Protein backbone atom coordinates (compact mmCIF):
# COMPACT_ATOMS: atom_id res chain seq x y z
CA MET A 1 0.00 0.00 0.00
CA SER A 2 1.39 3.38 -1.02
CA LEU A 3 2.67 5.64 1.77
CA ARG A 4 0.55 8.81 1.91
CA ILE A 5 2.58 11.79 3.11
CA VAL A 6 1.02 15.20 3.78
CA VAL A 7 3.27 18.21 4.29
CA CYS A 8 1.82 21.26 6.04
CA VAL A 9 3.24 24.53 4.72
CA LYS A 10 2.54 28.20 5.32
CA TYR A 11 2.71 31.31 3.18
CA VAL A 12 4.32 33.99 5.37
CA PRO A 13 5.41 37.64 5.04
CA ASP A 14 8.99 37.99 3.84
CA ALA A 15 11.14 38.47 6.94
CA SER A 16 13.39 40.85 5.01
CA GLY A 17 10.49 43.24 4.41
CA GLU A 18 8.73 45.70 6.68
CA ARG A 19 6.27 43.53 8.56
CA GLY A 20 3.43 44.93 10.62
CA PHE A 21 -0.22 44.72 11.58
CA ALA A 22 -3.31 45.59 9.58
CA ASP A 23 -6.01 47.92 10.94
CA ASP A 24 -7.78 45.01 12.66
CA LEU A 25 -4.49 44.04 14.41
CA THR A 26 -4.05 40.87 12.41
CA VAL A 27 -0.78 40.31 10.56
CA ASP A 28 -0.60 42.46 7.45
CA ARG A 29 -0.28 39.97 4.61
CA GLU A 30 -1.15 42.35 1.77
CA GLY A 31 1.29 45.17 2.32
CA VAL A 32 4.39 42.96 2.14
CA ASP A 33 5.66 40.25 -0.20
CA GLY A 34 5.11 36.69 0.91
CA LEU A 35 6.81 33.34 0.37
CA LEU A 36 6.88 29.73 1.50
CA SER A 37 8.12 29.71 5.09
CA GLU A 38 11.80 28.77 5.03
CA LEU A 39 11.34 26.36 7.93
CA ASP A 40 8.62 24.55 5.97
CA GLU A 41 11.03 23.99 3.09
CA TYR A 42 12.87 21.55 5.37
CA ALA A 43 9.61 19.67 5.91
CA VAL A 44 9.05 19.43 2.16
CA GLU A 45 12.61 18.20 1.68
CA GLN A 46 12.28 15.46 4.29
CA ALA A 47 8.93 14.34 2.89
CA LEU A 48 10.48 14.03 -0.57
CA ARG A 49 13.44 12.05 0.81
CA ILE A 50 11.09 9.65 2.60
CA ALA A 51 9.09 9.21 -0.61
CA GLU A 52 12.27 8.59 -2.61
CA ALA A 53 13.45 6.02 -0.06
CA ALA A 54 10.13 4.23 -0.53
CA GLY A 55 11.15 3.57 -4.13
CA GLY A 56 8.31 5.58 -5.61
CA ASP A 57 5.67 3.73 -3.58
CA ALA A 58 4.64 6.96 -1.88
CA SER A 59 2.82 10.21 -2.64
CA VAL A 60 3.49 13.69 -1.24
CA THR A 61 0.60 16.11 -0.85
CA VAL A 62 1.28 19.71 0.16
CA LEU A 63 -1.38 21.41 2.26
CA THR A 64 -1.76 25.07 3.11
CA VAL A 65 -4.42 27.27 4.69
CA GLY A 66 -4.68 30.94 3.80
CA PRO A 67 -5.81 33.60 1.33
CA GLU A 68 -5.41 33.42 -2.44
CA ASP A 69 -1.68 34.23 -2.40
CA ALA A 70 -1.02 31.23 -0.14
CA ARG A 71 -1.33 29.10 -3.26
CA GLU A 72 2.19 30.27 -4.14
CA ALA A 73 3.57 28.30 -1.19
CA VAL A 74 1.99 25.15 -2.60
CA ARG A 75 3.39 25.88 -6.07
CA LYS A 76 6.90 26.28 -4.65
CA ALA A 77 6.64 22.89 -2.93
CA LEU A 78 5.29 21.29 -6.10
CA SER A 79 8.23 22.66 -8.07
CA MET A 80 10.53 21.00 -5.52
CA GLY A 81 8.95 17.66 -6.36
CA ALA A 82 5.72 17.16 -4.40
CA ASP A 83 2.94 15.36 -6.29
CA GLN A 84 -0.19 17.41 -5.60
CA GLY A 85 -1.47 20.23 -3.45
CA VAL A 86 -4.44 21.30 -1.36
CA HIS A 87 -5.30 24.94 -0.66
CA VAL A 88 -7.92 25.70 1.99
CA GLU A 89 -9.29 29.18 1.38
CA ASP A 90 -12.32 30.85 2.96
CA ASP A 91 -13.02 34.46 3.92
CA ASP A 92 -14.18 33.28 7.35
CA LEU A 93 -10.66 32.04 8.12
CA HIS A 94 -9.36 35.60 8.47
CA GLY A 95 -8.06 36.18 11.98
CA SER A 96 -7.65 32.50 12.86
CA ASP A 97 -5.15 31.76 15.61
CA VAL A 98 -3.29 28.48 15.98
CA MET A 99 -6.29 26.77 17.59
CA GLY A 100 -8.54 27.52 14.65
CA THR A 101 -5.81 26.81 12.14
CA SER A 102 -5.07 23.40 13.70
CA LEU A 103 -8.77 22.52 13.47
CA VAL A 104 -8.87 23.37 9.77
CA VAL A 105 -5.58 21.61 9.02
CA ALA A 106 -6.70 18.46 10.86
CA SER A 107 -9.97 18.37 8.91
CA ALA A 108 -8.14 18.87 5.62
CA VAL A 109 -5.55 16.20 6.44
CA GLU A 110 -8.29 13.71 7.25
CA ARG A 111 -10.07 14.47 4.00
CA ALA A 112 -6.85 14.16 1.98
CA GLY A 113 -5.97 10.85 3.64
CA PHE A 114 -2.62 10.31 5.37
CA ASP A 115 -0.15 7.93 6.90
CA LEU A 116 2.43 10.56 7.83
CA VAL A 117 2.12 14.31 8.34
CA VAL A 118 5.34 16.33 8.16
CA CYS A 119 5.60 19.88 9.54
CA GLY A 120 8.33 22.44 10.00
CA MET A 121 9.48 23.26 13.52
CA ALA A 122 7.60 26.61 13.51
CA SER A 123 6.31 29.28 11.18
CA THR A 124 8.52 32.31 10.62
CA ASP A 125 5.70 34.75 11.37
CA GLY A 126 3.97 33.39 14.48
CA VAL A 127 6.96 31.29 15.65
CA MET A 128 4.80 29.34 18.12
CA GLY A 129 5.87 25.84 17.12
CA VAL A 130 2.81 24.18 18.66
CA LEU A 131 0.74 23.32 15.58
CA PRO A 132 2.25 19.82 15.14
CA ALA A 133 1.26 18.87 18.69
CA LEU A 134 -2.24 20.31 18.30
CA LEU A 135 -2.61 18.57 14.96
CA ALA A 136 -1.58 15.21 16.40
CA GLU A 137 -4.05 15.65 19.26
CA ARG A 138 -6.91 16.48 16.91
CA LEU A 139 -6.08 13.56 14.63
CA GLY A 140 -5.64 11.19 17.57
CA VAL A 141 -2.20 9.98 16.45
CA PRO A 142 1.28 10.08 18.03
CA GLN A 143 3.71 12.90 17.32
CA VAL A 144 7.50 12.91 17.13
CA SER A 145 8.74 16.48 17.18
CA LEU A 146 11.87 18.52 16.43
CA LEU A 147 13.72 15.86 14.51
CA SER A 148 17.05 16.49 12.83
CA GLU A 149 16.85 13.09 11.12
CA VAL A 150 13.73 11.19 10.08
CA SER A 151 12.96 7.96 8.23
CA VAL A 152 10.12 5.49 7.74
CA THR A 153 10.57 1.71 7.82
CA GLY A 154 7.97 -1.00 8.16
CA GLY A 155 5.13 1.22 9.28
CA VAL A 156 7.26 3.03 11.87
CA VAL A 157 8.60 6.60 11.68
CA SER A 158 11.81 7.20 13.60
CA GLY A 159 14.26 10.03 14.00
CA ARG A 160 16.86 11.80 16.10
CA ARG A 161 16.15 14.79 18.31
CA ASP A 162 19.18 16.83 19.32
CA GLY A 163 19.24 18.65 22.63
CA ASP A 164 21.80 20.92 24.27
CA THR A 165 23.56 18.08 26.08
CA ALA A 166 22.36 14.88 24.41
CA SER A 167 20.52 13.35 21.46
CA GLU A 168 17.69 10.85 21.64
CA VAL A 169 16.19 8.48 19.09
CA LEU A 170 12.40 8.42 18.96
CA GLU A 171 9.88 6.39 17.02
CA ALA A 172 6.14 6.03 16.55
CA SER A 173 3.82 3.75 14.66
CA LEU A 174 2.06 5.18 11.63
CA PRO A 175 -0.16 7.09 11.21
CA ALA A 176 1.76 9.88 12.95
CA VAL A 177 2.74 13.54 12.88
CA VAL A 178 6.38 14.66 12.85
CA SER A 179 8.11 18.02 12.81
CA VAL A 180 11.64 18.59 11.54
CA THR A 181 14.20 21.25 12.37
CA ASP A 182 16.41 23.39 10.16
CA GLN A 183 19.23 20.91 10.88
CA SER A 184 17.50 18.07 9.05
CA GLY A 185 19.08 18.78 5.66
CA GLU A 186 19.20 21.61 3.16
CA ALA A 187 16.12 21.92 1.00
CA ARG A 188 16.63 21.35 -2.71
CA TYR A 189 16.26 24.17 -5.21
CA PRO A 190 13.47 23.80 -7.76
CA SER A 191 14.88 22.95 -11.17
CA PHE A 192 13.54 24.50 -14.37
CA LYS A 193 12.02 21.13 -15.20
CA GLY A 194 10.40 21.02 -11.77
CA ILE A 195 8.99 24.53 -12.13
CA MET A 196 7.44 23.70 -15.48
CA ALA A 197 6.08 20.38 -14.20
CA ALA A 198 4.50 22.11 -11.19
CA LYS A 199 2.22 24.09 -13.50
CA LYS A 200 0.53 20.87 -14.55
CA LYS A 201 0.16 19.35 -11.10
CA LYS A 202 -3.23 19.31 -9.45
CA VAL A 203 -4.03 21.77 -6.66
CA GLU A 204 -7.44 21.29 -5.06
CA SER A 205 -9.26 24.22 -3.43
CA TRP A 206 -11.42 23.52 -0.39
CA ASP A 207 -13.50 25.82 1.82
CA LEU A 208 -15.06 25.43 5.25
CA GLU A 209 -18.27 23.97 3.86
CA GLU A 210 -16.38 21.21 2.10
CA LEU A 211 -14.53 20.47 5.35
CA ASP A 212 -17.85 20.50 7.26
CA LEU A 213 -16.59 23.16 9.69
CA ASP A 214 -18.61 25.89 11.37
CA ALA A 215 -17.30 29.40 10.64
CA GLU A 216 -17.80 30.32 14.31
CA LEU A 217 -15.04 27.91 15.30
CA VAL A 218 -12.38 29.65 13.23
CA GLY A 219 -11.35 33.16 12.24
CA SER A 220 -11.54 36.05 14.66
CA ALA A 221 -14.85 34.72 15.99
CA GLY A 222 -13.33 31.46 17.17
CA ALA A 223 -9.87 32.68 18.15
CA TRP A 224 -8.65 31.85 21.65
CA THR A 225 -6.18 34.71 21.52
CA GLU A 226 -6.17 38.24 20.17
CA VAL A 227 -3.79 41.17 19.85
CA ASP A 228 -5.00 43.94 22.13
CA THR A 229 -2.66 46.75 21.09
CA ALA A 230 0.33 47.18 18.81
CA VAL A 231 2.78 50.06 18.44
CA GLU A 232 5.53 50.60 15.93
CA ARG A 233 9.06 49.94 17.08
CA PRO A 234 10.76 53.28 17.82
CA ALA A 235 13.34 54.46 15.34
CA ARG A 236 16.89 53.54 16.23
CA SER A 237 18.65 56.45 17.90
CA ALA A 238 22.12 57.61 16.96
CA GLY A 239 24.86 55.77 18.81
CA THR A 240 27.67 57.22 20.86
CA VAL A 241 30.96 57.57 19.02
CA VAL A 242 34.07 57.04 21.11
CA LYS A 243 37.22 58.51 19.64
CA ASP A 244 40.16 56.40 20.74
CA GLU A 245 42.98 58.62 21.98
CA GLY A 246 44.56 55.96 24.11
CA GLU A 247 41.63 55.52 26.52
CA GLY A 248 39.08 53.93 24.16
CA GLY A 249 39.01 50.66 26.03
CA LEU A 250 38.37 52.41 29.33
CA ARG A 251 35.53 54.45 27.84
CA VAL A 252 33.90 51.30 26.45
CA ALA A 253 34.23 49.54 29.82
CA GLU A 254 32.66 52.52 31.59
CA PHE A 255 29.76 52.51 29.13
CA LEU A 256 29.14 48.78 29.63
CA ALA A 257 29.35 49.16 33.41
CA SER A 258 26.87 52.07 33.37
CA ARG A 259 24.37 49.83 31.58
CA LYS A 260 25.14 46.96 33.98
CA PHE A 261 26.36 44.76 31.12
CA VAL A 262 29.52 43.95 33.09
């Protein structure tokens, strides 16, 4: 039986741009360029390696939730080599926090069918890192998180988690959810052939009705958290220039001591 792998990806604001909040205090996703979250590229890469190790007896589906532009994240993953994509889009999803998002993702994963769900360690906008655990709970399957190595053999997913002082090897029976770190292996670059092939690959579009979800459970209406206030970061002030006339080191030490850095 073919191994069904689902990779969860997110379309996020470019970290190199000026990120901020919209008028309703949700993340501004229209005033800045977006892209496939870099940390999710590692998840796509590991899913493709697992599929390749299965000798072609596996399929990789890329799943994202978000507005129309989020489809670009799916296309990027397809150009890397994934087989098909799913884009969940619905106006009522606006303002969803991780609780609502995990509900939608779990419903979409179940509809797509899965043996293994692969996630990045966190998104580069919210940086919460809890969606894999919430997803596993909603799906009722085990999770193995923060892996720097991952493989699937005989219906078991296993991998290595590296800590500050030690590494541990973990495993779980399929179906399961795993998350991988940015140490799991560099993501491949899409080739020209892959980019052209991605244009012909199927991307399904689903909404809340097709997932049989109530709009009140997601979006701003169903969010467990909200941003109360937000202020712009103050402009960086001019620094203090110390002209070294033989006592530069002393002046620097005095400055650090005055700020209680030393």
